[in-house]
Amino acid sequence: MRENVFTEEQRDALQEIANLAMGQAAARLARLLDTFIELSVPRVCVVGVAEAAQTLREMTGIDQGVTAVRQGFRSDIKGEALVICRSGAVGHLCALVNDPYIHSAYETISQTELMVDVANVLTGACVSCILDQLNLTPIFSPPGLLGENISLDDVFQADLLAWRAALLLEVNFALENHCFRAHLVMLMAEDSISRMDDALSALLASV
């Protein structure tokens, strides 16, 4: 069951911070792919871990196989960032960048390499910007491929996760022609939700 742990003012502040973070991430992704990036409005909720897959399914409309990359981060607030896209769309992204990459260290870039690169750019920019606004500096673990052509239920395996509830912050980025859309999902455990509450309250008090 979803839990309303933030006030409306705190939620608005977090969404404004996420908007700023999205802009920075989109700018970096646009430079990587040399194309215009369209952004969504960020969505924030607190969910039970067993509901995370269904909540994201309802948010995104994804009901087929996905490719997912996971990257952990920690500071006073810790969690994981997931970059998820429909597996069938990764080929479009790879075709977009293969020509530039021919002249780089790669002869061609694999779908896995590209998804990890994209995830690293999105996660690094978004998470760093959000925590920076809260006067926190994250330390990142290396990104890793969670799976290809797997279901959202396989992405969020409740029995393997150490927490009961999570703050779920979802934003998505699309190429201008909509042939590829990536969803960035930040997950934070219960103790980090409490710290996020404190950090947002301190931020609002300082304004």
C-alpha atoms as a PDB file:
ATOM      1  CA  MET A   1       0.000   0.000   0.000  1.00  0.00           C
ATOM      2  CA  ARG A   2       1.282   3.452  -0.823  1.00  0.00           C
ATOM      3  CA  GLU A   3       2.284   5.589   2.131  1.00  0.00           C
ATOM      4  CA  ASN A   4       1.904   9.377   2.210  1.00  0.00           C
ATOM      5  CA  VAL A   5       5.076  10.290   4.080  1.00  0.00           C
ATOM      6  CA  PHE A   6       5.678  13.738   2.558  1.00  0.00           C
ATOM      7  CA  THR A   7       3.656  16.901   2.889  1.00  0.00           C
ATOM      8  CA  GLU A   8       2.372  18.492  -0.300  1.00  0.00           C
ATOM      9  CA  GLU A   9       5.028  21.201   0.064  1.00  0.00           C
ATOM     10  CA  GLN A  10       7.785  18.590   0.418  1.00  0.00           C
ATOM     11  CA  ARG A  11       6.506  16.672  -2.614  1.00  0.00           C
ATOM     12  CA  ASP A  12       6.421  19.849  -4.715  1.00  0.00           C
ATOM     13  CA  ALA A  13       9.979  20.666  -3.630  1.00  0.00           C
ATOM     14  CA  LEU A  14      11.201  17.180  -4.541  1.00  0.00           C
ATOM     15  CA  GLN A  15       9.540  17.391  -7.953  1.00  0.00           C
ATOM     16  CA  GLU A  16      11.157  20.793  -8.595  1.00  0.00           C
ATOM     17  CA  ILE A  17      14.546  19.364  -7.631  1.00  0.00           C
ATOM     18  CA  ALA A  18      13.922  16.377  -9.909  1.00  0.00           C
ATOM     19  CA  ASN A  19      13.028  18.726 -12.781  1.00  0.00           C
ATOM     20  CA  LEU A  20      16.372  20.499 -12.404  1.00  0.00           C
ATOM     21  CA  ALA A  21      18.167  17.143 -12.271  1.00  0.00           C
ATOM     22  CA  MET A  22      16.356  15.926 -15.380  1.00  0.00           C
ATOM     23  CA  GLY A  23      17.462  18.973 -17.315  1.00  0.00           C
ATOM     24  CA  GLN A  24      21.106  18.326 -16.486  1.00  0.00           C
ATOM     25  CA  ALA A  25      20.793  14.633 -17.326  1.00  0.00           C
ATOM     26  CA  ALA A  26      19.044  15.368 -20.622  1.00  0.00           C
ATOM     27  CA  ALA A  27      21.773  17.836 -21.615  1.00  0.00           C
ATOM     28  CA  ARG A  28      24.463  15.207 -21.001  1.00  0.00           C
ATOM     29  CA  LEU A  29      22.499  12.539 -22.857  1.00  0.00           C
ATOM     30  CA  ALA A  30      21.924  14.884 -25.795  1.00  0.00           C
ATOM     31  CA  ARG A  31      25.688  15.435 -26.059  1.00  0.00           C
ATOM     32  CA  LEU A  32      26.324  11.681 -25.918  1.00  0.00           C
ATOM     33  CA  LEU A  33      23.749  10.862 -28.611  1.00  0.00           C
ATOM     34  CA  ASP A  34      23.863  14.134 -30.578  1.00  0.00           C
ATOM     35  CA  THR A  35      20.068  14.377 -30.667  1.00  0.00           C
ATOM     36  CA  PHE A  36      17.271  16.315 -28.957  1.00  0.00           C
ATOM     37  CA  ILE A  37      15.916  14.752 -25.744  1.00  0.00           C
ATOM     38  CA  GLU A  38      12.316  15.141 -24.583  1.00  0.00           C
ATOM     39  CA  LEU A  39      11.581  15.027 -20.839  1.00  0.00           C
ATOM     40  CA  SER A  40       8.631  13.906 -18.741  1.00  0.00           C
ATOM     41  CA  VAL A  41       7.217  15.405 -15.570  1.00  0.00           C
ATOM     42  CA  PRO A  42       8.750  13.547 -12.582  1.00  0.00           C
ATOM     43  CA  ARG A  43       6.441  11.335 -10.533  1.00  0.00           C
ATOM     44  CA  VAL A  44       7.010  10.562  -6.864  1.00  0.00           C
ATOM     45  CA  CYS A  45       5.337   8.042  -4.577  1.00  0.00           C
ATOM     46  CA  VAL A  46       6.143   5.722  -1.698  1.00  0.00           C
ATOM     47  CA  VAL A  47       5.293   2.078  -2.349  1.00  0.00           C
ATOM     48  CA  GLY A  48       5.602  -1.267  -0.692  1.00  0.00           C
ATOM     49  CA  VAL A  49       8.375  -3.220  -2.376  1.00  0.00           C
ATOM     50  CA  ALA A  50       5.914  -5.893  -3.449  1.00  0.00           C
ATOM     51  CA  GLU A  51       3.955  -3.207  -5.331  1.00  0.00           C
ATOM     52  CA  ALA A  52       6.910  -1.588  -7.084  1.00  0.00           C
ATOM     53  CA  ALA A  53       6.654  -3.550 -10.339  1.00  0.00           C
ATOM     54  CA  GLN A  54       2.913  -2.987 -10.726  1.00  0.00           C
ATOM     55  CA  THR A  55       3.233   0.698  -9.803  1.00  0.00           C
ATOM     56  CA  LEU A  56       5.901   1.223 -12.467  1.00  0.00           C
ATOM     57  CA  ARG A  57       3.844  -0.789 -14.972  1.00  0.00           C
ATOM     58  CA  GLU A  58       0.918   1.566 -14.381  1.00  0.00           C
ATOM     59  CA  MET A  59       3.160   4.647 -14.624  1.00  0.00           C
ATOM     60  CA  THR A  60       4.911   3.652 -17.832  1.00  0.00           C
ATOM     61  CA  GLY A  61       2.483   1.384 -19.672  1.00  0.00           C
ATOM     62  CA  ILE A  62       5.296  -1.169 -20.098  1.00  0.00           C
ATOM     63  CA  ASP A  63       3.981  -4.717 -20.165  1.00  0.00           C
ATOM     64  CA  GLN A  64       6.662  -6.474 -22.209  1.00  0.00           C
ATOM     65  CA  GLY A  65      10.310  -7.449 -21.877  1.00  0.00           C
ATOM     66  CA  VAL A  66      12.677  -4.730 -20.656  1.00  0.00           C
ATOM     67  CA  THR A  67      16.399  -4.123 -20.458  1.00  0.00           C
ATOM     68  CA  ALA A  68      17.441  -2.788 -17.049  1.00  0.00           C
ATOM     69  CA  VAL A  69      20.677  -1.375 -15.638  1.00  0.00           C
ATOM     70  CA  ARG A  70      21.134  -0.934 -11.884  1.00  0.00           C
ATOM     71  CA  GLN A  71      23.511   1.430 -10.087  1.00  0.00           C
ATOM     72  CA  GLY A  72      23.735   1.930  -6.325  1.00  0.00           C
ATOM     73  CA  PHE A  73      24.487   5.223  -4.597  1.00  0.00           C
ATOM     74  CA  ARG A  74      25.077   6.207  -1.001  1.00  0.00           C
ATOM     75  CA  SER A  75      25.487   9.244   1.216  1.00  0.00           C
ATOM     76  CA  ASP A  76      23.278  10.152   4.174  1.00  0.00           C
ATOM     77  CA  ILE A  77      20.581   9.068   1.713  1.00  0.00           C
ATOM     78  CA  LYS A  78      21.259   5.794  -0.074  1.00  0.00           C
ATOM     79  CA  GLY A  79      19.478   3.727  -2.646  1.00  0.00           C
ATOM     80  CA  GLU A  80      19.537   2.348  -6.160  1.00  0.00           C
ATOM     81  CA  ALA A  81      18.857   3.897  -9.531  1.00  0.00           C
ATOM     82  CA  LEU A  82      17.410   1.761 -12.302  1.00  0.00           C
ATOM     83  CA  VAL A  83      17.361   2.715 -15.975  1.00  0.00           C
ATOM     84  CA  ILE A  84      14.719   0.689 -17.784  1.00  0.00           C
ATOM     85  CA  CYS A  85      13.592   0.600 -21.397  1.00  0.00           C
ATOM     86  CA  ARG A  86      11.670  -1.732 -23.685  1.00  0.00           C
ATOM     87  CA  SER A  87      14.183  -4.263 -24.989  1.00  0.00           C
ATOM     88  CA  GLY A  88      12.903  -3.906 -28.542  1.00  0.00           C
ATOM     89  CA  ALA A  89      13.842  -0.210 -28.594  1.00  0.00           C
ATOM     90  CA  VAL A  90      17.535  -0.627 -27.741  1.00  0.00           C
ATOM     91  CA  GLY A  91      18.368  -1.506 -31.343  1.00  0.00           C
ATOM     92  CA  HIS A  92      17.086   1.906 -32.484  1.00  0.00           C
ATOM     93  CA  LEU A  93      19.409   3.584 -30.023  1.00  0.00           C
ATOM     94  CA  CYS A  94      22.359   1.461 -31.098  1.00  0.00           C
ATOM     95  CA  ALA A  95      21.743   2.317 -34.766  1.00  0.00           C
ATOM     96  CA  LEU A  96      21.791   6.010 -33.873  1.00  0.00           C
ATOM     97  CA  VAL A  97      25.281   5.925 -32.383  1.00  0.00           C
ATOM     98  CA  ASN A  98      27.074   3.189 -34.313  1.00  0.00           C
ATOM     99  CA  ASP A  99      28.340   5.571 -36.996  1.00  0.00           C
ATOM    100  CA  PRO A 100      30.042   7.943 -34.503  1.00  0.00           C
ATOM    101  CA  TYR A 101      31.404   5.018 -32.530  1.00  0.00           C
ATOM    102  CA  ILE A 102      33.054   3.511 -35.627  1.00  0.00           C
ATOM    103  CA  HIS A 103      35.615   6.308 -35.367  1.00  0.00           C
ATOM    104  CA  SER A 104      36.201   5.780 -31.644  1.00  0.00           C
ATOM    105  CA  ALA A 105      37.781   2.954 -29.661  1.00  0.00           C
ATOM    106  CA  TYR A 106      34.926   0.670 -30.766  1.00  0.00           C
ATOM    107  CA  GLU A 107      34.386  -0.703 -34.229  1.00  0.00           C
ATOM    108  CA  THR A 108      30.744  -0.961 -33.213  1.00  0.00           C
ATOM    109  CA  ILE A 109      29.123  -0.614 -29.821  1.00  0.00           C
ATOM    110  CA  SER A 110      27.033  -3.430 -28.397  1.00  0.00           C
ATOM    111  CA  GLN A 111      23.548  -2.908 -27.034  1.00  0.00           C
ATOM    112  CA  THR A 112      24.751  -3.823 -23.549  1.00  0.00           C
ATOM    113  CA  GLU A 113      27.644  -1.323 -23.659  1.00  0.00           C
ATOM    114  CA  LEU A 114      25.356   1.418 -24.895  1.00  0.00           C
ATOM    115  CA  MET A 115      22.669   0.822 -22.263  1.00  0.00           C
ATOM    116  CA  VAL A 116      25.298   0.895 -19.504  1.00  0.00           C
ATOM    117  CA  ASP A 117      26.704   4.149 -20.952  1.00  0.00           C
ATOM    118  CA  VAL A 118      23.241   5.735 -21.128  1.00  0.00           C
ATOM    119  CA  ALA A 119      22.364   4.546 -17.624  1.00  0.00           C
ATOM    120  CA  ASN A 120      25.631   5.891 -16.228  1.00  0.00           C
ATOM    121  CA  VAL A 121      24.977   9.333 -17.742  1.00  0.00           C
ATOM    122  CA  LEU A 122      21.353   9.504 -16.553  1.00  0.00           C
ATOM    123  CA  THR A 123      22.015   8.162 -13.070  1.00  0.00           C
ATOM    124  CA  GLY A 124      25.120  10.230 -12.467  1.00  0.00           C
ATOM    125  CA  ALA A 125      23.501  13.500 -13.500  1.00  0.00           C
ATOM    126  CA  CYS A 126      20.088  12.965 -11.893  1.00  0.00           C
ATOM    127  CA  VAL A 127      21.169  11.523  -8.562  1.00  0.00           C
ATOM    128  CA  SER A 128      24.084  13.931  -8.152  1.00  0.00           C
ATOM    129  CA  CYS A 129      21.904  16.953  -8.893  1.00  0.00           C
ATOM    130  CA  ILE A 130      19.098  15.862  -6.555  1.00  0.00           C
ATOM    131  CA  LEU A 131      21.420  15.158  -3.645  1.00  0.00           C
ATOM    132  CA  ASP A 132      23.485  18.287  -4.325  1.00  0.00           C
ATOM    133  CA  GLN A 133      20.339  20.382  -3.849  1.00  0.00           C
ATOM    134  CA  LEU A 134      20.046  18.725  -0.429  1.00  0.00           C
ATOM    135  CA  ASN A 135      23.732  19.445   0.380  1.00  0.00           C
ATOM    136  CA  LEU A 136      24.711  15.784   0.002  1.00  0.00           C
ATOM    137  CA  THR A 137      27.389  14.156  -2.166  1.00  0.00           C
ATOM    138  CA  PRO A 138      26.739  10.618  -3.430  1.00  0.00           C
ATOM    139  CA  ILE A 139      29.240   7.813  -3.932  1.00  0.00           C
ATOM    140  CA  PHE A 140      28.285   5.501  -6.799  1.00  0.00           C
ATOM    141  CA  SER A 141      28.866   1.805  -7.324  1.00  0.00           C
ATOM    142  CA  PRO A 142      29.659   0.722 -10.913  1.00  0.00           C
ATOM    143  CA  PRO A 143      26.563   0.273 -13.100  1.00  0.00           C
ATOM    144  CA  GLY A 144      25.631  -3.285 -13.953  1.00  0.00           C
ATOM    145  CA  LEU A 145      23.216  -4.924 -16.365  1.00  0.00           C
ATOM    146  CA  LEU A 146      20.314  -6.394 -14.403  1.00  0.00           C
ATOM    147  CA  GLY A 147      18.903  -8.232 -17.399  1.00  0.00           C
ATOM    148  CA  GLU A 148      17.747  -8.115 -21.012  1.00  0.00           C
ATOM    149  CA  ASN A 149      14.217  -8.927 -22.142  1.00  0.00           C
ATOM    150  CA  ILE A 150      13.061  -9.530 -18.568  1.00  0.00           C
ATOM    151  CA  SER A 151       9.749  -8.598 -16.947  1.00  0.00           C
ATOM    152  CA  LEU A 152       9.290  -5.756 -14.484  1.00  0.00           C
ATOM    153  CA  ASP A 153       8.529  -8.415 -11.876  1.00  0.00           C
ATOM    154  CA  ASP A 154      12.045  -9.769 -12.428  1.00  0.00           C
ATOM    155  CA  VAL A 155      13.470  -6.254 -12.031  1.00  0.00           C
ATOM    156  CA  PHE A 156      11.777  -5.787  -8.647  1.00  0.00           C
ATOM    157  CA  GLN A 157      12.200  -9.105  -6.845  1.00  0.00           C
ATOM    158  CA  ALA A 158      10.645  -8.409  -3.468  1.00  0.00           C
ATOM    159  CA  ASP A 159      12.127 -11.487  -1.782  1.00  0.00           C
ATOM    160  CA  LEU A 160      15.681 -10.387  -2.674  1.00  0.00           C
ATOM    161  CA  LEU A 161      15.400  -6.813  -1.420  1.00  0.00           C
ATOM    162  CA  ALA A 162      16.181  -5.854   2.144  1.00  0.00           C
ATOM    163  CA  TRP A 163      13.460  -3.234   2.602  1.00  0.00           C
ATOM    164  CA  ARG A 164       9.671  -3.248   2.856  1.00  0.00           C
ATOM    165  CA  ALA A 165       8.901   0.144   1.329  1.00  0.00           C
ATOM    166  CA  ALA A 166      10.661   2.531  -1.015  1.00  0.00           C
ATOM    167  CA  LEU A 167      10.487   6.054  -2.325  1.00  0.00           C
ATOM    168  CA  LEU A 168       9.905   5.632  -6.057  1.00  0.00           C
ATOM    169  CA  LEU A 169      10.838   8.634  -8.175  1.00  0.00           C
ATOM    170  CA  GLU A 170      10.272   8.085 -11.900  1.00  0.00           C
ATOM    171  CA  VAL A 171      11.308  10.312 -14.804  1.00  0.00           C
ATOM    172  CA  ASN A 172      11.674   9.400 -18.444  1.00  0.00           C
ATOM    173  CA  PHE A 173      13.645  10.602 -21.431  1.00  0.00           C
ATOM    174  CA  ALA A 174      12.698  10.112 -25.070  1.00  0.00           C
ATOM    175  CA  LEU A 175      14.518  10.681 -28.334  1.00  0.00           C
ATOM    176  CA  GLU A 176      12.867  13.296 -30.499  1.00  0.00           C
ATOM    177  CA  ASN A 177      11.241  10.711 -32.778  1.00  0.00           C
ATOM    178  CA  HIS A 178      10.055   8.577 -29.804  1.00  0.00           C
ATOM    179  CA  CYS A 179      11.733   5.416 -31.110  1.00  0.00           C
ATOM    180  CA  PHE A 180      13.484   5.082 -27.735  1.00  0.00           C
ATOM    181  CA  ARG A 181      12.371   5.993 -24.214  1.00  0.00           C
ATOM    182  CA  ALA A 182      14.319   5.328 -21.023  1.00  0.00           C
ATOM    183  CA  HIS A 183      12.798   5.415 -17.546  1.00  0.00           C
ATOM    184  CA  LEU A 184      14.989   6.373 -14.611  1.00  0.00           C
ATOM    185  CA  VAL A 185      13.686   5.025 -11.298  1.00  0.00           C
ATOM    186  CA  MET A 186      15.249   5.939  -7.955  1.00  0.00           C
ATOM    187  CA  LEU A 187      14.546   3.545  -5.074  1.00  0.00           C
ATOM    188  CA  MET A 188      15.336   4.420  -1.465  1.00  0.00           C
ATOM    189  CA  ALA A 189      14.744   2.273   1.599  1.00  0.00           C
ATOM    190  CA  GLU A 190      12.787   3.239   4.712  1.00  0.00           C
ATOM    191  CA  ASP A 191      15.655   4.841   6.640  1.00  0.00           C
ATOM    192  CA  SER A 192      16.579   6.956   3.611  1.00  0.00           C
ATOM    193  CA  ILE A 193      12.959   8.055   3.180  1.00  0.00           C
ATOM    194  CA  SER A 194      13.129   9.454   6.714  1.00  0.00           C
ATOM    195  CA  ARG A 195      16.407  11.225   5.922  1.00  0.00           C
ATOM    196  CA  MET A 196      14.907  12.599   2.702  1.00  0.00           C
ATOM    197  CA  ASP A 197      12.008  13.944   4.762  1.00  0.00           C
ATOM    198  CA  ASP A 198      14.480  15.715   7.089  1.00  0.00           C
ATOM    199  CA  ALA A 199      16.534  17.067   4.167  1.00  0.00           C
ATOM    200  CA  LEU A 200      13.466  18.456   2.378  1.00  0.00           C
ATOM    201  CA  SER A 201      12.248  20.078   5.605  1.00  0.00           C
ATOM    202  CA  ALA A 202      15.654  21.717   6.109  1.00  0.00           C
ATOM    203  CA  LEU A 203      15.680  22.921   2.502  1.00  0.00           C
ATOM    204  CA  LEU A 204      12.214  24.450   2.805  1.00  0.00           C
ATOM    205  CA  ALA A 205      13.111  26.088   6.122  1.00  0.00           C
ATOM    206  CA  SER A 206      16.118  27.778   4.508  1.00  0.00           C
ATOM    207  CA  VAL A 207      14.123  29.352   1.678  1.00  0.00           C
END
